[in-house]
Protein backbone atom coordinates (compact mmCIF):
# COMPACT_ATOMS: atom_id res chain seq x y z
CA MET A 1 102.32 67.46 115.08
CA ALA A 2 105.42 65.27 114.70
CA LEU A 3 105.99 65.32 118.45
CA ALA A 4 102.38 64.35 119.13
CA THR A 5 102.70 61.49 116.65
CA LYS A 6 105.88 60.31 118.37
CA TYR A 7 104.15 60.17 121.75
CA PHE A 8 101.11 58.49 120.21
CA TYR A 9 103.10 55.53 118.93
CA GLN A 10 105.17 55.33 122.11
CA ASN A 11 101.96 55.00 124.11
CA ALA A 12 100.45 52.63 121.55
CA THR A 13 103.37 50.25 121.97
CA ARG A 14 103.33 50.48 125.75
CA LEU A 15 99.58 50.08 126.23
CA SER A 16 98.63 47.64 123.48
CA ARG A 17 101.52 45.20 124.07
CA TRP A 18 101.51 44.62 120.30
CA THR A 19 104.80 43.71 118.64
CA VAL A 20 105.90 43.56 115.01
CA VAL A 21 107.87 40.55 113.76
CA THR A 22 108.98 40.07 110.15
CA ASP A 23 109.89 36.87 108.33
CA GLU A 24 113.45 36.02 107.31
CA VAL A 25 113.36 37.99 104.05
CA GLY A 26 111.21 40.86 105.30
CA LYS A 27 108.37 40.17 102.86
CA HIS A 28 105.65 39.58 105.45
CA PHE A 29 105.19 41.41 108.74
CA ASN A 30 103.20 39.97 111.65
CA VAL A 31 101.62 42.26 114.22
CA ILE A 32 101.28 39.97 117.25
CA LEU A 33 98.03 40.50 119.19
CA PRO A 34 97.95 39.36 122.83
CA SER A 35 94.13 39.50 122.67
CA LEU A 36 91.30 41.10 120.75
CA GLY A 37 89.41 42.48 123.74
CA LEU A 38 85.71 42.35 124.50
CA HIS A 39 85.03 45.49 122.46
CA VAL A 40 85.20 43.41 119.25
CA LEU A 41 82.00 41.58 120.25
CA ASP A 42 78.53 42.88 119.46
CA ARG A 43 75.57 42.71 121.82
CA LYS A 44 74.94 39.06 120.93
CA GLY A 45 78.53 37.97 121.41
CA HIS A 46 79.33 37.79 117.69
CA VAL A 47 82.50 39.36 116.30
CA SER A 48 81.61 42.84 115.05
CA ILE A 49 82.72 43.40 111.45
CA VAL A 50 83.14 47.11 112.20
CA GLU A 51 85.47 46.46 115.13
CA LEU A 52 87.38 43.77 113.23
CA GLN A 53 87.74 46.08 110.23
CA SER A 54 89.05 48.75 112.59
CA LEU A 55 91.48 46.26 114.17
CA LEU A 56 92.97 45.36 110.78
CA THR A 57 93.43 49.06 110.02
CA GLN A 58 95.03 49.73 113.41
CA ALA A 59 97.44 46.82 112.96
CA ARG A 60 98.36 48.07 109.50
CA ILE A 61 99.08 51.60 110.78
CA PHE A 62 101.01 50.15 113.73
CA ALA A 63 103.37 48.25 111.41
CA TYR A 64 103.77 51.35 109.25
CA HIS A 65 105.22 53.27 112.20
CA ILE A 66 106.61 50.72 114.69
CA ALA A 67 109.83 48.91 113.73
CA ASP A 68 109.92 45.12 113.74
CA THR A 69 112.03 43.27 116.29
CA LYS A 70 114.52 41.80 113.79
CA THR A 71 115.55 44.48 111.30
CA ASN A 72 114.46 47.57 113.25
CA LYS A 73 112.55 48.76 110.16
CA THR A 74 108.90 49.56 109.69
CA PHE A 75 106.76 47.77 107.12
CA MET A 76 108.45 48.48 103.77
CA GLU A 77 109.68 51.77 105.30
CA TYR A 78 106.15 53.05 104.86
CA ASP A 79 106.66 55.87 107.38
CA LYS A 80 109.66 57.17 105.40
CA MET A 81 107.83 56.80 102.07
CA THR A 82 104.87 58.87 103.33
CA SER A 83 106.86 61.49 105.25
CA ASP A 84 106.26 64.15 102.59
CA ARG A 85 102.72 63.19 101.55
CA MET A 86 99.34 61.94 102.69
CA THR A 87 97.52 58.76 101.72
CA PHE A 88 93.80 58.68 100.96
CA MET A 89 91.88 55.43 100.94
CA ALA A 90 90.31 54.65 97.58
CA SER A 91 88.74 51.26 98.21
CA THR A 92 88.89 48.29 100.53
CA GLU A 93 87.61 44.72 100.48
CA THR A 94 87.42 42.31 103.41
CA ARG A 95 86.48 38.63 103.34
CA PHE A 96 85.44 36.91 106.55
CA ALA A 97 85.58 33.19 107.34
CA ARG A 98 82.33 31.42 108.16
CA ASP A 99 81.85 30.87 111.90
CA LEU A 100 84.35 33.66 112.47
CA LEU A 101 86.70 32.84 115.37
CA GLN A 102 84.37 30.08 116.60
CA THR A 103 87.34 27.78 117.28
CA THR A 104 87.55 25.00 119.88
CA GLU A 105 91.15 25.94 120.71
CA ILE A 106 92.31 29.38 121.78
CA PRO A 107 94.05 30.87 118.70
CA SER A 108 97.40 32.65 118.73
CA LEU A 109 96.41 35.77 116.82
CA ALA A 110 98.38 38.07 114.57
CA VAL A 111 97.72 40.36 111.63
CA ARG A 112 100.00 39.38 108.74
CA LEU A 113 100.80 42.25 106.40
CA SER A 114 102.04 41.99 102.82
CA LEU A 115 102.66 44.47 100.02
CA GLY A 116 100.28 43.98 97.12
CA TYR A 117 99.77 46.19 94.07
CA ILE A 118 102.20 49.01 93.21
CA GLY A 119 101.00 51.58 90.70
CA THR A 120 102.12 55.06 89.65
CA ALA A 121 100.51 56.99 92.51
CA SER A 122 98.67 54.21 94.30
CA LEU A 123 99.29 50.91 96.06
CA ASN A 124 97.53 48.31 98.14
CA THR A 125 98.46 46.11 101.05
CA GLN A 126 97.00 42.86 102.30
CA ALA A 127 96.18 42.31 105.97
CA GLN A 128 95.15 38.86 107.20
CA LEU A 129 93.96 37.99 110.69
CA ILE A 130 95.64 34.61 111.25
CA ASP A 131 96.24 31.93 113.84
CA THR A 132 100.04 31.68 113.97
CA LYS A 133 99.86 28.11 115.31
CA THR A 134 97.62 26.63 112.61
CA GLY A 135 97.93 29.13 109.76
CA SER A 136 94.15 29.55 109.63
CA VAL A 137 92.98 32.83 108.06
CA PHE A 138 89.96 34.34 109.80
CA ALA A 139 89.73 37.53 107.75
CA GLU A 140 91.56 39.03 104.77
CA ASN A 141 91.57 42.69 103.83
CA ILE A 142 92.93 44.45 100.73
CA ASN A 143 93.35 48.19 101.19
CA GLN A 144 93.88 50.47 98.16
CA VAL A 145 95.30 53.95 98.79
CA VAL A 146 96.40 56.93 96.70
CA THR A 147 99.39 59.07 97.68
CA VAL A 148 98.41 62.72 97.73
CA SER A 149 100.29 66.02 97.94
CA ARG A 150 99.89 67.83 101.27
CA GLU A 151 99.68 71.16 99.43
CA THR A 152 97.39 70.39 96.49
CA ARG A 153 95.63 67.28 97.88
CA LYS A 154 96.03 65.77 94.40
CA PRO A 155 97.68 62.42 93.55
CA ILE A 156 101.48 62.39 93.24
CA ALA A 157 103.78 59.62 92.03
CA LEU A 158 105.24 57.16 94.49
CA PRO A 159 108.92 57.88 95.29
CA GLU A 160 111.24 56.23 92.77
CA TRP A 161 113.59 54.93 95.49
CA TRP A 162 110.71 53.17 97.21
CA VAL A 163 109.32 51.58 94.03
CA GLU A 164 112.77 50.32 93.02
CA LYS A 165 113.52 48.95 96.48
CA TYR A 166 110.23 47.22 97.25
CA THR A 167 108.65 46.11 93.95
CA SER A 168 110.20 42.66 94.40
CA TYR A 169 108.46 42.34 97.79
CA SER A 170 105.00 42.58 96.21
CA ILE A 171 102.79 39.47 96.35
CA ASN A 172 101.15 40.72 93.12
CA VAL A 173 97.66 41.47 94.39
CA PRO A 174 95.67 43.17 91.57
CA LYS A 175 94.64 46.81 91.85
CA LEU A 176 91.41 46.95 93.83
CA VAL A 177 88.57 48.70 92.00
CA ILE A 178 85.11 48.42 93.55
CA PRO A 179 82.18 48.89 91.14
CA VAL A 180 79.47 51.36 92.16
CA THR A 181 75.92 50.10 91.70
CA VAL A 182 73.27 52.57 90.53
CA THR A 183 70.86 53.51 93.32
CA PRO A 184 67.26 52.53 92.52
CA ALA A 185 64.49 55.08 92.93
CA ASP A 186 62.77 53.05 95.66
CA ALA A 187 65.87 52.63 97.88
CA PHE A 188 65.36 52.97 101.63
CA THR A 189 66.77 56.26 103.00
CA TYR A 190 68.28 57.04 106.39
CA ASN A 191 69.63 60.44 107.46
CA VAL A 192 72.69 61.01 109.66
CA LYS A 193 74.71 63.99 110.87
CA VAL A 194 78.48 63.57 111.07
CA ARG A 195 79.77 64.06 114.62
CA TRP A 196 83.27 65.20 115.63
CA SER A 197 83.87 61.70 116.99
CA ASP A 198 83.20 60.34 113.49
CA THR A 199 86.18 62.21 111.99
CA ASP A 200 89.90 61.40 111.80
CA GLY A 201 93.22 63.23 111.92
CA TYR A 202 92.71 64.63 108.42
CA GLY A 203 89.49 66.31 109.57
CA HIS A 204 87.18 64.24 107.39
CA THR A 205 84.82 61.38 108.25
CA ASN A 206 86.67 58.19 109.10
CA TYR A 207 85.82 55.24 106.88
CA ILE A 208 84.86 53.11 109.89
CA SER A 209 82.15 55.69 110.63
CA TYR A 210 80.67 55.14 107.17
CA ILE A 211 80.33 51.42 107.90
CA ARG A 212 78.54 52.25 111.15
CA PHE A 213 76.17 54.57 109.25
CA CYS A 214 75.37 51.68 106.88
CA GLU A 215 74.74 49.25 109.74
CA ASP A 216 72.45 51.76 111.46
CA ALA A 217 70.53 52.28 108.22
CA ALA A 218 70.12 48.53 107.78
CA MET A 219 68.92 48.10 111.36
CA GLN A 220 66.36 50.87 110.89
CA ALA A 221 65.17 49.32 107.63
CA ALA A 222 64.87 45.91 109.31
CA MET A 223 62.87 47.41 112.19
CA GLU A 224 60.49 48.96 109.67
CA GLY A 225 60.06 45.64 107.86
CA LYS A 226 61.85 46.84 104.72
CA LEU A 227 64.39 43.97 104.73
CA PRO A 228 62.45 40.68 104.74
CA LEU A 229 65.57 38.62 105.39
CA TYR A 230 66.43 40.58 108.52
CA THR A 231 63.11 41.08 110.27
CA ASP A 232 64.45 40.59 113.80
CA THR A 233 68.04 41.76 113.80
CA LEU A 234 70.84 42.36 111.33
CA TYR A 235 73.26 40.68 113.72
CA ASP A 236 71.96 37.18 112.96
CA PRO A 237 73.37 36.72 109.40
CA GLU A 238 77.11 36.14 109.14
CA THR A 239 78.99 38.66 107.05
CA LYS A 240 80.89 37.07 104.17
CA GLN A 241 82.38 40.06 102.38
CA LEU A 242 82.55 43.81 102.72
CA GLN A 243 83.42 46.06 99.76
CA LEU A 244 83.89 49.80 100.21
CA SER A 245 84.50 52.52 97.65
CA TYR A 246 85.38 56.11 98.59
CA GLN A 247 84.17 58.76 96.20
CA GLY A 248 84.47 61.96 98.24
CA GLU A 249 84.78 63.51 101.68
CA SER A 250 82.54 64.79 104.44
CA ARG A 251 83.23 66.60 107.69
CA ALA A 252 81.77 67.11 111.14
CA GLY A 253 78.40 68.86 111.08
CA GLU A 254 77.47 67.73 107.57
CA ASP A 255 74.17 66.00 106.91
CA LEU A 256 74.34 62.77 104.93
CA THR A 257 71.71 60.43 103.49
CA VAL A 258 72.23 56.67 103.34
CA HIS A 259 70.46 54.83 100.51
CA LEU A 260 69.99 51.10 101.07
CA TRP A 261 68.62 48.32 98.86
CA GLN A 262 68.86 44.57 98.37
CA ASN A 263 70.16 42.79 95.31
CA PRO A 264 66.95 41.64 93.55
CA ASP A 265 68.57 38.31 92.61
CA ASN A 266 70.36 37.71 95.91
CA MET A 267 68.64 38.63 99.16
CA HIS A 268 71.90 38.01 101.01
CA LYS A 269 73.56 41.03 99.39
CA LEU A 270 72.92 44.63 100.45
CA TYR A 271 74.04 47.85 98.75
CA PHE A 272 74.56 51.24 100.38
CA SER A 273 75.29 54.65 98.88
CA LEU A 274 75.99 57.73 100.99
CA VAL A 275 75.35 61.16 99.53
CA THR A 276 75.56 64.68 100.91
CA ALA A 277 72.09 65.86 101.90
CA GLU A 278 72.55 69.30 100.36
CA THR A 279 74.12 68.56 96.96
CA ARG A 280 73.32 64.83 96.66
CA THR A 281 76.97 64.17 95.85
CA LEU A 282 78.02 60.52 96.15
CA ILE A 283 80.84 60.13 98.68
CA PHE A 284 80.75 56.43 99.64
CA HIS A 285 79.45 53.11 98.32
CA CYS A 286 79.31 49.81 100.20
CA THR A 287 78.34 46.24 99.39
CA MET A 288 77.71 43.72 102.17
CA ASP A 289 77.47 40.01 101.34
CA PHE A 290 76.16 37.54 103.93
CA TYR A 291 76.56 33.78 104.15
CA GLU A 292 73.41 31.85 103.41
CA PRO A 293 72.13 29.80 106.37
CA THR A 294 73.45 26.23 106.48
CA THR A 295 70.12 24.84 107.73
């Protein structure tokens, strides 16, 4: 497994042409992106929030395992800190700029990473998609994780050496807790089966797959006329904010049900809850906020 991981990151560096550059004090790490690639665009040419969310995650993982060009260290020695444990995502929040990446000049893109909250067994990091020439922030993501024992899969305390060494590097982002909204009885339902391609290295459903399930559910609801604001296509409204809360796990072959409903006081906000089809156990909750039209 370690050997496979080594080759993975060697190939990632060679093929992506990404590089990691830290600032003078090592508090912020920039993952330099030569380009985003056409895969980040949806069928209408808009930036896909799923692909952009995935990009921010990939850049974060890249900096966790690839040393920067100045100090020859990974982001806050994250790879060393997690060498004897796993990390499970608890929640994540991403804010997107209006008219995302609709710039007149070609931006010089990077993902800027910073250490945020440090708790007993959990932490979060901030990832911003920025233009290094202008400083413009196109998207900002806070990612909250829990460190978990490989044997018991239960939370374990962060290493003391790491907390002592890197607490001063924190930009003091609060702990990210996403509230879960109660599902109404008349929520729209959409059934999915988890595929092998939906899962990750831990063997459970990747969080990006859950976002795709939510988008598919919303598209189906729109096609059936259940979302008055999105009668033609869900791709027309601009996404403003995405909030995700992880309550459990699912694996390949499992049947899930997506529940979808609109905020009764704000038609530009959608809620999603994913439950296991067999036990009705909540495993994921999502809130999508959209910008209101300017005209």
